[in-house]
Amino acid sequence: MRHDFTSVQNIYIICGKTDMRKGIDGLATLIQDSFELDPYSDSIFLFSGWSKDRYKCLYFDGDGFAMLYKRLDNGKLQWPKDENEVRNLSQQELRWLLEGLSLQQPKAIAKSLKCSF
């Protein structure tokens, strides 16, 4: 099983509330049917429920699915609310989310599109 997810091609967050009783098969079906994404791709899929103090992460590592379930002791996640949206996150946005910050950090310095030397 892969332990370093920094080289994963895509990180998807399933916005809104997901039924956290769903297991691997239910979440994989949700990814395919509702969002028309491939759960077998080199991607991490993140889900959260009503309370925003827990999340699930689904990943296919080549020979099977791995699912991480985490419940926070203190605080809540700043999970996007749009029920019908899935977003592709950067590694930095993932760190912000899992640290309890919003995905939009207006005071963060934006990366430059130009490179001038």
PDB file of N, CA and C in Angstrom:
ATOM      1  N   MET A   1       0.840  -1.185   0.000  1.00  0.00           N
ATOM      2  CA  MET A   1       0.000   0.000   0.000  1.00  0.00           C
ATOM      3  C   MET A   1       0.881   1.242   0.000  1.00  0.00           C
ATOM      4  N   ARG A   2       0.481   2.217  -0.751  1.00  0.00           N
ATOM      5  CA  ARG A   2       1.222   3.465  -0.864  1.00  0.00           C
ATOM      6  C   ARG A   2       1.067   4.279   0.419  1.00  0.00           C
ATOM      7  N   HIS A   3       2.172   4.834   0.891  1.00  0.00           N
ATOM      8  CA  HIS A   3       2.123   5.647   2.102  1.00  0.00           C
ATOM      9  C   HIS A   3       2.422   7.116   1.832  1.00  0.00           C
ATOM     10  N   ASP A   4       3.000   7.415   0.675  1.00  0.00           N
ATOM     11  CA  ASP A   4       3.310   8.785   0.304  1.00  0.00           C
ATOM     12  C   ASP A   4       2.382   9.193  -0.834  1.00  0.00           C
ATOM     13  N   PHE A   5       1.438  10.075  -0.540  1.00  0.00           N
ATOM     14  CA  PHE A   5       0.439  10.459  -1.527  1.00  0.00           C
ATOM     15  C   PHE A   5       0.777  11.775  -2.223  1.00  0.00           C
ATOM     16  N   THR A   6       1.983  12.281  -2.052  1.00  0.00           N
ATOM     17  CA  THR A   6       2.339  13.570  -2.655  1.00  0.00           C
ATOM     18  C   THR A   6       2.481  13.495  -4.168  1.00  0.00           C
ATOM     19  N   SER A   7       2.651  12.302  -4.724  1.00  0.00           N
ATOM     20  CA  SER A   7       2.789  12.177  -6.173  1.00  0.00           C
ATOM     21  C   SER A   7       1.512  11.688  -6.856  1.00  0.00           C
ATOM     22  N   VAL A   8       0.413  11.624  -6.120  1.00  0.00           N
ATOM     23  CA  VAL A   8      -0.865  11.207  -6.700  1.00  0.00           C
ATOM     24  C   VAL A   8      -1.287  12.235  -7.743  1.00  0.00           C
ATOM     25  N   GLN A   9      -1.798  11.745  -8.858  1.00  0.00           N
ATOM     26  CA  GLN A   9      -2.153  12.614  -9.981  1.00  0.00           C
ATOM     27  C   GLN A   9      -3.267  13.608  -9.640  1.00  0.00           C
ATOM     28  N   ASN A  10      -4.340  13.155  -8.991  1.00  0.00           N
ATOM     29  CA  ASN A  10      -5.482  14.017  -8.678  1.00  0.00           C
ATOM     30  C   ASN A  10      -5.933  13.825  -7.232  1.00  0.00           C
ATOM     31  N   ILE A  11      -6.362  14.922  -6.631  1.00  0.00           N
ATOM     32  CA  ILE A  11      -6.985  14.888  -5.308  1.00  0.00           C
ATOM     33  C   ILE A  11      -8.367  15.511  -5.493  1.00  0.00           C
ATOM     34  N   TYR A  12      -9.406  14.705  -5.323  1.00  0.00           N
ATOM     35  CA  TYR A  12     -10.771  15.187  -5.503  1.00  0.00           C
ATOM     36  C   TYR A  12     -11.465  15.283  -4.152  1.00  0.00           C
ATOM     37  N   ILE A  13     -12.167  16.388  -3.941  1.00  0.00           N
ATOM     38  CA  ILE A  13     -13.003  16.532  -2.760  1.00  0.00           C
ATOM     39  C   ILE A  13     -14.456  16.485  -3.224  1.00  0.00           C
ATOM     40  N   ILE A  14     -15.210  15.594  -2.631  1.00  0.00           N
ATOM     41  CA  ILE A  14     -16.639  15.499  -2.907  1.00  0.00           C
ATOM     42  C   ILE A  14     -17.305  16.483  -1.945  1.00  0.00           C
ATOM     43  N   CYS A  15     -17.775  17.593  -2.480  1.00  0.00           N
ATOM     44  CA  CYS A  15     -18.320  18.674  -1.653  1.00  0.00           C
ATOM     45  C   CYS A  15     -19.681  18.274  -1.076  1.00  0.00           C
ATOM     46  N   GLY A  16     -20.115  19.016  -0.102  1.00  0.00           N
ATOM     47  CA  GLY A  16     -21.396  18.735   0.529  1.00  0.00           C
ATOM     48  C   GLY A  16     -21.293  17.581   1.515  1.00  0.00           C
ATOM     49  N   LYS A  17     -22.431  17.000   1.820  1.00  0.00           N
ATOM     50  CA  LYS A  17     -22.508  15.939   2.830  1.00  0.00           C
ATOM     51  C   LYS A  17     -22.624  14.578   2.158  1.00  0.00           C
ATOM     52  N   THR A  18     -21.804  13.644   2.586  1.00  0.00           N
ATOM     53  CA  THR A  18     -21.853  12.268   2.111  1.00  0.00           C
ATOM     54  C   THR A  18     -22.317  11.386   3.266  1.00  0.00           C
ATOM     55  N   ASP A  19     -23.099  10.383   2.969  1.00  0.00           N
ATOM     56  CA  ASP A  19     -23.524   9.409   3.977  1.00  0.00           C
ATOM     57  C   ASP A  19     -22.283   8.625   4.420  1.00  0.00           C
ATOM     58  N   MET A  20     -21.820   8.887   5.621  1.00  0.00           N
ATOM     59  CA  MET A  20     -20.576   8.286   6.103  1.00  0.00           C
ATOM     60  C   MET A  20     -20.740   6.807   6.479  1.00  0.00           C
ATOM     61  N   ARG A  21     -21.935   6.270   6.341  1.00  0.00           N
ATOM     62  CA  ARG A  21     -22.121   4.825   6.555  1.00  0.00           C
ATOM     63  C   ARG A  21     -21.652   4.030   5.349  1.00  0.00           C
ATOM     64  N   LYS A  22     -21.463   4.709   4.220  1.00  0.00           N
ATOM     65  CA  LYS A  22     -21.022   4.024   3.001  1.00  0.00           C
ATOM     66  C   LYS A  22     -19.608   3.480   3.184  1.00  0.00           C
ATOM     67  N   GLY A  23     -19.412   2.292   2.643  1.00  0.00           N
ATOM     68  CA  GLY A  23     -18.098   1.679   2.650  1.00  0.00           C
ATOM     69  C   GLY A  23     -17.409   1.892   1.310  1.00  0.00           C
ATOM     70  N   ILE A  24     -16.396   1.101   1.047  1.00  0.00           N
ATOM     71  CA  ILE A  24     -15.610   1.237  -0.173  1.00  0.00           C
ATOM     72  C   ILE A  24     -16.483   1.115  -1.415  1.00  0.00           C
ATOM     73  N   ASP A  25     -17.304   0.085  -1.499  1.00  0.00           N
ATOM     74  CA  ASP A  25     -18.123  -0.126  -2.695  1.00  0.00           C
ATOM     75  C   ASP A  25     -19.126   1.004  -2.908  1.00  0.00           C
ATOM     76  N   GLY A  26     -19.761   1.462  -1.836  1.00  0.00           N
ATOM     77  CA  GLY A  26     -20.731   2.548  -1.947  1.00  0.00           C
ATOM     78  C   GLY A  26     -20.080   3.856  -2.383  1.00  0.00           C
ATOM     79  N   LEU A  27     -18.898   4.152  -1.853  1.00  0.00           N
ATOM     80  CA  LEU A  27     -18.199   5.380  -2.233  1.00  0.00           C
ATOM     81  C   LEU A  27     -17.686   5.293  -3.668  1.00  0.00           C
ATOM     82  N   ALA A  28     -17.173   4.129  -4.080  1.00  0.00           N
ATOM     83  CA  ALA A  28     -16.704   3.953  -5.462  1.00  0.00           C
ATOM     84  C   ALA A  28     -17.863   4.116  -6.447  1.00  0.00           C
ATOM     85  N   THR A  29     -19.025   3.576  -6.096  1.00  0.00           N
ATOM     86  CA  THR A  29     -20.212   3.723  -6.949  1.00  0.00           C
ATOM     87  C   THR A  29     -20.635   5.185  -7.035  1.00  0.00           C
ATOM     88  N   LEU A  30     -20.591   5.899  -5.921  1.00  0.00           N
ATOM     89  CA  LEU A  30     -20.913   7.319  -5.903  1.00  0.00           C
ATOM     90  C   LEU A  30     -19.975   8.100  -6.830  1.00  0.00           C
ATOM     91  N   ILE A  31     -18.696   7.795  -6.786  1.00  0.00           N
ATOM     92  CA  ILE A  31     -17.702   8.453  -7.643  1.00  0.00           C
ATOM     93  C   ILE A  31     -18.031   8.225  -9.115  1.00  0.00           C
ATOM     94  N   GLN A  32     -18.356   6.984  -9.466  1.00  0.00           N
ATOM     95  CA  GLN A  32     -18.648   6.641 -10.859  1.00  0.00           C
ATOM     96  C   GLN A  32     -19.982   7.207 -11.328  1.00  0.00           C
ATOM     97  N   ASP A  33     -21.036   6.950 -10.589  1.00  0.00           N
ATOM     98  CA  ASP A  33     -22.389   7.275 -11.038  1.00  0.00           C
ATOM     99  C   ASP A  33     -22.742   8.751 -10.920  1.00  0.00           C
ATOM    100  N   SER A  34     -22.398   9.377  -9.803  1.00  0.00           N
ATOM    101  CA  SER A  34     -22.804  10.761  -9.579  1.00  0.00           C
ATOM    102  C   SER A  34     -21.850  11.781 -10.194  1.00  0.00           C
ATOM    103  N   PHE A  35     -20.564  11.439 -10.233  1.00  0.00           N
ATOM    104  CA  PHE A  35     -19.580  12.425 -10.679  1.00  0.00           C
ATOM    105  C   PHE A  35     -18.826  12.001 -11.942  1.00  0.00           C
ATOM    106  N   GLU A  36     -19.131  10.815 -12.462  1.00  0.00           N
ATOM    107  CA  GLU A  36     -18.540  10.296 -13.694  1.00  0.00           C
ATOM    108  C   GLU A  36     -17.014  10.347 -13.683  1.00  0.00           C
ATOM    109  N   LEU A  37     -16.446   9.964 -12.537  1.00  0.00           N
ATOM    110  CA  LEU A  37     -14.997   9.859 -12.392  1.00  0.00           C
ATOM    111  C   LEU A  37     -14.633   8.391 -12.224  1.00  0.00           C
ATOM    112  N   ASP A  38     -13.373   8.072 -12.453  1.00  0.00           N
ATOM    113  CA  ASP A  38     -12.900   6.689 -12.360  1.00  0.00           C
ATOM    114  C   ASP A  38     -12.252   6.444 -11.002  1.00  0.00           C
ATOM    115  N   PRO A  39     -12.879   5.656 -10.126  1.00  0.00           N
ATOM    116  CA  PRO A  39     -12.287   5.404  -8.810  1.00  0.00           C
ATOM    117  C   PRO A  39     -10.995   4.586  -8.880  1.00  0.00           C
ATOM    118  N   TYR A  40     -10.720   3.969 -10.043  1.00  0.00           N
ATOM    119  CA  TYR A  40      -9.506   3.171 -10.215  1.00  0.00           C
ATOM    120  C   TYR A  40      -8.328   4.000 -10.721  1.00  0.00           C
ATOM    121  N   SER A  41      -8.545   5.284 -10.969  1.00  0.00           N
ATOM    122  CA  SER A  41      -7.469   6.142 -11.469  1.00  0.00           C
ATOM    123  C   SER A  41      -6.507   6.478 -10.326  1.00  0.00           C
ATOM    124  N   ASP A  42      -5.394   7.090 -10.678  1.00  0.00           N
ATOM    125  CA  ASP A  42      -4.410   7.501  -9.671  1.00  0.00           C
ATOM    126  C   ASP A  42      -4.918   8.769  -8.996  1.00  0.00           C
ATOM    127  N   SER A  43      -5.940   8.589  -8.141  1.00  0.00           N
ATOM    128  CA  SER A  43      -6.617   9.720  -7.513  1.00  0.00           C
ATOM    129  C   SER A  43      -6.999   9.388  -6.084  1.00  0.00           C
ATOM    130  N   ILE A  44      -7.023  10.419  -5.271  1.00  0.00           N
ATOM    131  CA  ILE A  44      -7.547  10.345  -3.912  1.00  0.00           C
ATOM    132  C   ILE A  44      -8.916  11.021  -3.938  1.00  0.00           C
ATOM    133  N   PHE A  45      -9.890  10.402  -3.276  1.00  0.00           N
ATOM    134  CA  PHE A  45     -11.239  10.964  -3.187  1.00  0.00           C
ATOM    135  C   PHE A  45     -11.555  11.190  -1.713  1.00  0.00           C
ATOM    136  N   LEU A  46     -11.960  12.415  -1.374  1.00  0.00           N
ATOM    137  CA  LEU A  46     -12.246  12.786   0.006  1.00  0.00           C
ATOM    138  C   LEU A  46     -13.737  13.033   0.197  1.00  0.00           C
ATOM    139  N   PHE A  47     -14.279  12.559   1.331  1.00  0.00           N
ATOM    140  CA  PHE A  47     -15.699  12.665   1.657  1.00  0.00           C
ATOM    141  C   PHE A  47     -15.848  13.118   3.106  1.00  0.00           C
ATOM    142  N   SER A  48     -16.896  13.879   3.389  1.00  0.00           N
ATOM    143  CA  SER A  48     -17.218  14.246   4.765  1.00  0.00           C
ATOM    144  C   SER A  48     -18.729  14.190   4.944  1.00  0.00           C
ATOM    145  N   GLY A  49     -19.150  14.035   6.186  1.00  0.00           N
ATOM    146  CA  GLY A  49     -20.575  13.934   6.492  1.00  0.00           C
ATOM    147  C   GLY A  49     -21.133  15.218   7.064  1.00  0.00           C
ATOM    148  N   TRP A  50     -22.164  15.083   7.885  1.00  0.00           N
ATOM    149  CA  TRP A  50     -22.879  16.230   8.454  1.00  0.00           C
ATOM    150  C   TRP A  50     -22.039  17.015   9.442  1.00  0.00           C
ATOM    151  N   SER A  51     -21.315  16.340  10.300  1.00  0.00           N
ATOM    152  CA  SER A  51     -20.692  17.026  11.438  1.00  0.00           C
ATOM    153  C   SER A  51     -19.376  17.718  11.109  1.00  0.00           C
ATOM    154  N   LYS A  52     -18.772  17.424   9.976  1.00  0.00           N
ATOM    155  CA  LYS A  52     -17.522  18.046   9.524  1.00  0.00           C
ATOM    156  C   LYS A  52     -16.342  17.813  10.474  1.00  0.00           C
ATOM    157  N   ASP A  53     -16.488  16.880  11.387  1.00  0.00           N
ATOM    158  CA  ASP A  53     -15.362  16.558  12.269  1.00  0.00           C
ATOM    159  C   ASP A  53     -14.733  15.214  11.901  1.00  0.00           C
ATOM    160  N   ARG A  54     -15.132  14.683  10.749  1.00  0.00           N
ATOM    161  CA  ARG A  54     -14.577  13.409  10.280  1.00  0.00           C
ATOM    162  C   ARG A  54     -14.611  13.365   8.758  1.00  0.00           C
ATOM    163  N   TYR A  55     -13.703  12.582   8.204  1.00  0.00           N
ATOM    164  CA  TYR A  55     -13.669  12.431   6.753  1.00  0.00           C
ATOM    165  C   TYR A  55     -13.180  11.040   6.392  1.00  0.00           C
ATOM    166  N   LYS A  56     -13.481  10.651   5.160  1.00  0.00           N
ATOM    167  CA  LYS A  56     -12.993   9.398   4.588  1.00  0.00           C
ATOM    168  C   LYS A  56     -12.191   9.738   3.341  1.00  0.00           C
ATOM    169  N   CYS A  57     -11.193   8.932   3.114  1.00  0.00           N
ATOM    170  CA  CYS A  57     -10.327   9.079   1.947  1.00  0.00           C
ATOM    171  C   CYS A  57     -10.284   7.723   1.248  1.00  0.00           C
ATOM    172  N   LEU A  58     -10.585   7.698  -0.042  1.00  0.00           N
ATOM    173  CA  LEU A  58     -10.595   6.458  -0.820  1.00  0.00           C
ATOM    174  C   LEU A  58      -9.505   6.531  -1.882  1.00  0.00           C
ATOM    175  N   TYR A  59      -8.726   5.453  -2.011  1.00  0.00           N
ATOM    176  CA  TYR A  59      -7.625   5.402  -2.975  1.00  0.00           C
ATOM    177  C   TYR A  59      -7.454   3.975  -3.482  1.00  0.00           C
ATOM    178  N   PHE A  60      -7.299   3.822  -4.794  1.00  0.00           N
ATOM    179  CA  PHE A  60      -6.999   2.516  -5.391  1.00  0.00           C
ATOM    180  C   PHE A  60      -5.500   2.470  -5.653  1.00  0.00           C
ATOM    181  N   ASP A  61      -4.805   1.519  -5.029  1.00  0.00           N
ATOM    182  CA  ASP A  61      -3.343   1.484  -5.123  1.00  0.00           C
ATOM    183  C   ASP A  61      -2.800   0.484  -6.135  1.00  0.00           C
ATOM    184  N   GLY A  62      -3.652  -0.049  -6.987  1.00  0.00           N
ATOM    185  CA  GLY A  62      -3.190  -0.968  -8.024  1.00  0.00           C
ATOM    186  C   GLY A  62      -3.682  -2.391  -7.824  1.00  0.00           C
ATOM    187  N   ASP A  63      -3.831  -2.817  -6.583  1.00  0.00           N
ATOM    188  CA  ASP A  63      -4.341  -4.166  -6.339  1.00  0.00           C
ATOM    189  C   ASP A  63      -5.540  -4.188  -5.399  1.00  0.00           C
ATOM    190  N   GLY A  64      -5.991  -3.023  -4.990  1.00  0.00           N
ATOM    191  CA  GLY A  64      -7.166  -2.951  -4.133  1.00  0.00           C
ATOM    192  C   GLY A  64      -7.385  -1.536  -3.625  1.00  0.00           C
ATOM    193  N   PHE A  65      -8.535  -1.333  -3.007  1.00  0.00           N
ATOM    194  CA  PHE A  65      -8.864  -0.026  -2.451  1.00  0.00           C
ATOM    195  C   PHE A  65      -8.377   0.084  -1.015  1.00  0.00           C
ATOM    196  N   ALA A  66      -7.913   1.265  -0.683  1.00  0.00           N
ATOM    197  CA  ALA A  66      -7.578   1.594   0.702  1.00  0.00           C
ATOM    198  C   ALA A  66      -8.520   2.712   1.116  1.00  0.00           C
ATOM    199  N   MET A  67      -9.026   2.634   2.340  1.00  0.00           N
ATOM    200  CA  MET A  67      -9.904   3.681   2.848  1.00  0.00           C
ATOM    201  C   MET A  67      -9.383   4.127   4.206  1.00  0.00           C
ATOM    202  N   LEU A  68      -9.189   5.415   4.327  1.00  0.00           N
ATOM    203  CA  LEU A  68      -8.788   6.031   5.583  1.00  0.00           C
ATOM    204  C   LEU A  68     -10.006   6.724   6.164  1.00  0.00           C
ATOM    205  N   TYR A  69     -10.240   6.523   7.446  1.00  0.00           N
ATOM    206  CA  TYR A  69     -11.331   7.211   8.138  1.00  0.00           C
ATOM    207  C   TYR A  69     -10.703   7.944   9.302  1.00  0.00           C
ATOM    208  N   LYS A  70     -10.942   9.238   9.379  1.00  0.00           N
ATOM    209  CA  LYS A  70     -10.364  10.017  10.473  1.00  0.00           C
ATOM    210  C   LYS A  70     -11.441  10.842  11.146  1.00  0.00           C
ATOM    211  N   ARG A  71     -11.412  10.833  12.487  1.00  0.00           N
ATOM    212  CA  ARG A  71     -12.295  11.667  13.298  1.00  0.00           C
ATOM    213  C   ARG A  71     -11.413  12.618  14.090  1.00  0.00           C
ATOM    214  N   LEU A  72     -11.695  13.900  13.981  1.00  0.00           N
ATOM    215  CA  LEU A  72     -10.916  14.910  14.685  1.00  0.00           C
ATOM    216  C   LEU A  72     -11.357  15.001  16.142  1.00  0.00           C
ATOM    217  N   ASP A  73     -10.419  15.147  17.051  1.00  0.00           N
ATOM    218  CA  ASP A  73     -10.749  15.333  18.464  1.00  0.00           C
ATOM    219  C   ASP A  73     -11.206  16.757  18.747  1.00  0.00           C
ATOM    220  N   ASN A  74     -10.590  17.716  18.070  1.00  0.00           N
ATOM    221  CA  ASN A  74     -10.920  19.128  18.278  1.00  0.00           C
ATOM    222  C   ASN A  74     -11.085  19.813  16.938  1.00  0.00           C
ATOM    223  N   GLY A  75     -12.117  20.610  16.801  1.00  0.00           N
ATOM    224  CA  GLY A  75     -12.300  21.404  15.601  1.00  0.00           C
ATOM    225  C   GLY A  75     -13.109  20.716  14.525  1.00  0.00           C
ATOM    226  N   LYS A  76     -13.331  21.468  13.465  1.00  0.00           N
ATOM    227  CA  LYS A  76     -14.097  20.979  12.320  1.00  0.00           C
ATOM    228  C   LYS A  76     -13.388  21.392  11.042  1.00  0.00           C
ATOM    229  N   LEU A  77     -13.673  20.653   9.988  1.00  0.00           N
ATOM    230  CA  LEU A  77     -13.110  20.951   8.677  1.00  0.00           C
ATOM    231  C   LEU A  77     -13.925  22.051   8.005  1.00  0.00           C
ATOM    232  N   GLN A  78     -13.287  22.841   7.184  1.00  0.00           N
ATOM    233  CA  GLN A  78     -13.959  23.878   6.397  1.00  0.00           C
ATOM    234  C   GLN A  78     -14.349  23.260   5.055  1.00  0.00           C
ATOM    235  N   TRP A  79     -15.326  22.352   5.102  1.00  0.00           N
ATOM    236  CA  TRP A  79     -15.716  21.573   3.925  1.00  0.00           C
ATOM    237  C   TRP A  79     -16.641  22.371   3.020  1.00  0.00           C
ATOM    238  N   PRO A  80     -16.382  22.433   1.709  1.00  0.00           N
ATOM    239  CA  PRO A  80     -17.292  23.139   0.788  1.00  0.00           C
ATOM    240  C   PRO A  80     -18.689  22.531   0.823  1.00  0.00           C
ATOM    241  N   LYS A  81     -19.711  23.375   0.673  1.00  0.00           N
ATOM    242  CA  LYS A  81     -21.092  22.945   0.898  1.00  0.00           C
ATOM    243  C   LYS A  81     -21.868  22.529  -0.341  1.00  0.00           C
ATOM    244  N   ASP A  82     -21.426  22.848  -1.551  1.00  0.00           N
ATOM    245  CA  ASP A  82     -22.199  22.576  -2.763  1.00  0.00           C
ATOM    246  C   ASP A  82     -22.333  21.063  -2.989  1.00  0.00           C
ATOM    247  N   GLU A  83     -23.526  20.530  -2.788  1.00  0.00           N
ATOM    248  CA  GLU A  83     -23.804  19.091  -2.839  1.00  0.00           C
ATOM    249  C   GLU A  83     -23.456  18.427  -4.164  1.00  0.00           C
ATOM    250  N   ASN A  84     -23.558  19.156  -5.261  1.00  0.00           N
ATOM    251  CA  ASN A  84     -23.381  18.549  -6.576  1.00  0.00           C
ATOM    252  C   ASN A  84     -22.012  18.830  -7.174  1.00  0.00           C
ATOM    253  N   GLU A  85     -21.079  19.247  -6.365  1.00  0.00           N
ATOM    254  CA  GLU A  85     -19.778  19.652  -6.880  1.00  0.00           C
ATOM    255  C   GLU A  85     -18.674  18.701  -6.418  1.00  0.00           C
ATOM    256  N   VAL A  86     -17.764  18.468  -7.319  1.00  0.00           N
ATOM    257  CA  VAL A  86     -16.518  17.789  -6.982  1.00  0.00           C
ATOM    258  C   VAL A  86     -15.411  18.719  -7.448  1.00  0.00           C
ATOM    259  N   ARG A  87     -14.387  18.881  -6.633  1.00  0.00           N
ATOM    260  CA  ARG A  87     -13.297  19.794  -6.963  1.00  0.00           C
ATOM    261  C   ARG A  87     -11.972  19.060  -6.963  1.00  0.00           C
ATOM    262  N   ASN A  88     -11.100  19.481  -7.853  1.00  0.00           N
ATOM    263  CA  ASN A  88      -9.745  18.945  -7.914  1.00  0.00           C
ATOM    264  C   ASN A  88      -8.863  19.865  -7.088  1.00  0.00           C
ATOM    265  N   LEU A  89      -8.218  19.339  -6.060  1.00  0.00           N
ATOM    266  CA  LEU A  89      -7.414  20.140  -5.147  1.00  0.00           C
ATOM    267  C   LEU A  89      -5.927  20.018  -5.455  1.00  0.00           C
ATOM    268  N   SER A  90      -5.202  21.056  -5.112  1.00  0.00           N
ATOM    269  CA  SER A  90      -3.743  20.990  -5.139  1.00  0.00           C
ATOM    270  C   SER A  90      -3.270  20.396  -3.808  1.00  0.00           C
ATOM    271  N   GLN A  91      -2.010  20.035  -3.732  1.00  0.00           N
ATOM    272  CA  GLN A  91      -1.453  19.525  -2.474  1.00  0.00           C
ATOM    273  C   GLN A  91      -1.572  20.588  -1.377  1.00  0.00           C
ATOM    274  N   GLN A  92      -1.358  21.862  -1.743  1.00  0.00           N
ATOM    275  CA  GLN A  92      -1.442  22.942  -0.764  1.00  0.00           C
ATOM    276  C   GLN A  92      -2.876  23.100  -0.250  1.00  0.00           C
ATOM    277  N   GLU A  93      -3.869  23.038  -1.143  1.00  0.00           N
ATOM    278  CA  GLU A  93      -5.266  23.134  -0.715  1.00  0.00           C
ATOM    279  C   GLU A  93      -5.636  21.970   0.194  1.00  0.00           C
ATOM    280  N   LEU A  94      -5.120  20.787  -0.105  1.00  0.00           N
ATOM    281  CA  LEU A  94      -5.362  19.626   0.763  1.00  0.00           C
ATOM    282  C   LEU A  94      -4.799  19.879   2.157  1.00  0.00           C
ATOM    283  N   ARG A  95      -3.591  20.399   2.242  1.00  0.00           N
ATOM    284  CA  ARG A  95      -3.000  20.708   3.552  1.00  0.00           C
ATOM    285  C   ARG A  95      -3.855  21.730   4.295  1.00  0.00           C
ATOM    286  N   TRP A  96      -4.291  22.789   3.591  1.00  0.00           N
ATOM    287  CA  TRP A  96      -5.143  23.794   4.235  1.00  0.00           C
ATOM    288  C   TRP A  96      -6.405  23.148   4.789  1.00  0.00           C
ATOM    289  N   LEU A  97      -7.069  22.343   3.972  1.00  0.00           N
ATOM    290  CA  LEU A  97      -8.310  21.697   4.381  1.00  0.00           C
ATOM    291  C   LEU A  97      -8.101  20.838   5.630  1.00  0.00           C
ATOM    292  N   LEU A  98      -7.068  20.003   5.617  1.00  0.00           N
ATOM    293  CA  LEU A  98      -6.847  19.078   6.732  1.00  0.00           C
ATOM    294  C   LEU A  98      -6.291  19.766   7.974  1.00  0.00           C
ATOM    295  N   GLU A  99      -5.860  21.022   7.824  1.00  0.00           N
ATOM    296  CA  GLU A  99      -5.437  21.821   8.976  1.00  0.00           C
ATOM    297  C   GLU A  99      -6.584  22.670   9.522  1.00  0.00           C
ATOM    298  N   GLY A 100      -7.774  22.529   8.925  1.00  0.00           N
ATOM    299  CA  GLY A 100      -8.942  23.257   9.395  1.00  0.00           C
ATOM    300  C   GLY A 100      -9.133  24.616   8.751  1.00  0.00           C
ATOM    301  N   LEU A 101      -8.351  24.899   7.715  1.00  0.00           N
ATOM    302  CA  LEU A 101      -8.452  26.186   7.033  1.00  0.00           C
ATOM    303  C   LEU A 101      -9.383  26.085   5.833  1.00  0.00           C
ATOM    304  N   SER A 102      -9.791  27.234   5.323  1.00  0.00           N
ATOM    305  CA  SER A 102     -10.609  27.293   4.125  1.00  0.00           C
ATOM    306  C   SER A 102      -9.750  26.990   2.900  1.00  0.00           C
ATOM    307  N   LEU A 103     -10.384  26.460   1.854  1.00  0.00           N
ATOM    308  CA  LEU A 103      -9.656  26.193   0.612  1.00  0.00           C
ATOM    309  C   LEU A 103      -9.215  27.484  -0.073  1.00  0.00           C
ATOM    310  N   GLN A 104      -9.928  28.560   0.164  1.00  0.00           N
ATOM    311  CA  GLN A 104      -9.548  29.855  -0.377  1.00  0.00           C
ATOM    312  C   GLN A 104      -8.833  30.637   0.712  1.00  0.00           C
ATOM    313  N   GLN A 105      -7.600  30.968   0.450  1.00  0.00           N
ATOM    314  CA  GLN A 105      -6.803  31.765   1.371  1.00  0.00           C
ATOM    315  C   GLN A 105      -6.455  33.072   0.669  1.00  0.00           C
ATOM    316  N   PRO A 106      -7.303  34.090   0.806  1.00  0.00           N
ATOM    317  CA  PRO A 106      -7.106  35.322   0.037  1.00  0.00           C
ATOM    318  C   PRO A 106      -5.801  36.055   0.354  1.00  0.00           C
ATOM    319  N   LYS A 107      -5.226  35.826   1.509  1.00  0.00           N
ATOM    320  CA  LYS A 107      -3.980  36.516   1.857  1.00  0.00           C
ATOM    321  C   LYS A 107      -2.737  35.732   1.439  1.00  0.00           C
ATOM    322  N   ALA A 108      -2.933  34.523   0.923  1.00  0.00           N
ATOM    323  CA  ALA A 108      -1.787  33.733   0.465  1.00  0.00           C
ATOM    324  C   ALA A 108      -1.216  34.375  -0.797  1.00  0.00           C
ATOM    325  N   ILE A 109       0.073  34.305  -0.954  1.00  0.00           N
ATOM    326  CA  ILE A 109       0.716  34.841  -2.144  1.00  0.00           C
ATOM    327  C   ILE A 109       0.479  33.865  -3.287  1.00  0.00           C
ATOM    328  N   ALA A 110      -0.134  34.357  -4.354  1.00  0.00           N
ATOM    329  CA  ALA A 110      -0.453  33.514  -5.507  1.00  0.00           C
ATOM    330  C   ALA A 110       0.814  33.229  -6.309  1.00  0.00           C
ATOM    331  N   LYS A 111       0.874  32.054  -6.907  1.00  0.00           N
ATOM    332  CA  LYS A 111       1.998  31.707  -7.756  1.00  0.00           C
ATOM    333  C   LYS A 111       1.955  32.546  -9.025  1.00  0.00           C
ATOM    334  N   SER A 112       3.117  32.952  -9.479  1.00  0.00           N
ATOM    335  CA  SER A 112       3.217  33.757 -10.697  1.00  0.00           C
ATOM    336  C   SER A 112       3.089  32.868 -11.920  1.00  0.00           C
ATOM    337  N   LEU A 113       2.383  33.378 -12.924  1.00  0.00           N
ATOM    338  CA  LEU A 113       2.258  32.637 -14.169  1.00  0.00           C
ATOM    339  C   LEU A 113       3.458  32.868 -15.072  1.00  0.00           C
ATOM    340  N   LYS A 114       4.168  33.974 -14.849  1.00  0.00           N
ATOM    341  CA  LYS A 114       5.355  34.291 -15.637  1.00  0.00           C
ATOM    342  C   LYS A 114       6.605  33.949 -14.850  1.00  0.00           C
ATOM    343  N   CYS A 115       7.615  33.648 -15.565  1.00  0.00           N
ATOM    344  CA  CYS A 115       8.898  33.412 -14.935  1.00  0.00           C
ATOM    345  C   CYS A 115       9.885  34.384 -15.568  1.00  0.00           C
ATOM    346  N   SER A 116      10.298  35.396 -14.850  1.00  0.00           N
ATOM    347  CA  SER A 116      11.230  36.374 -15.413  1.00  0.00           C
ATOM    348  C   SER A 116      12.519  36.361 -14.596  1.00  0.00           C
ATOM    349  N   PHE A 117      13.601  36.224 -15.329  1.00  0.00           N
ATOM    350  CA  PHE A 117      14.917  36.186 -14.684  1.00  0.00           C
ATOM    351  C   PHE A 117      15.795  37.258 -15.235  1.00  0.00           C
TER     352      PHE A 117
END
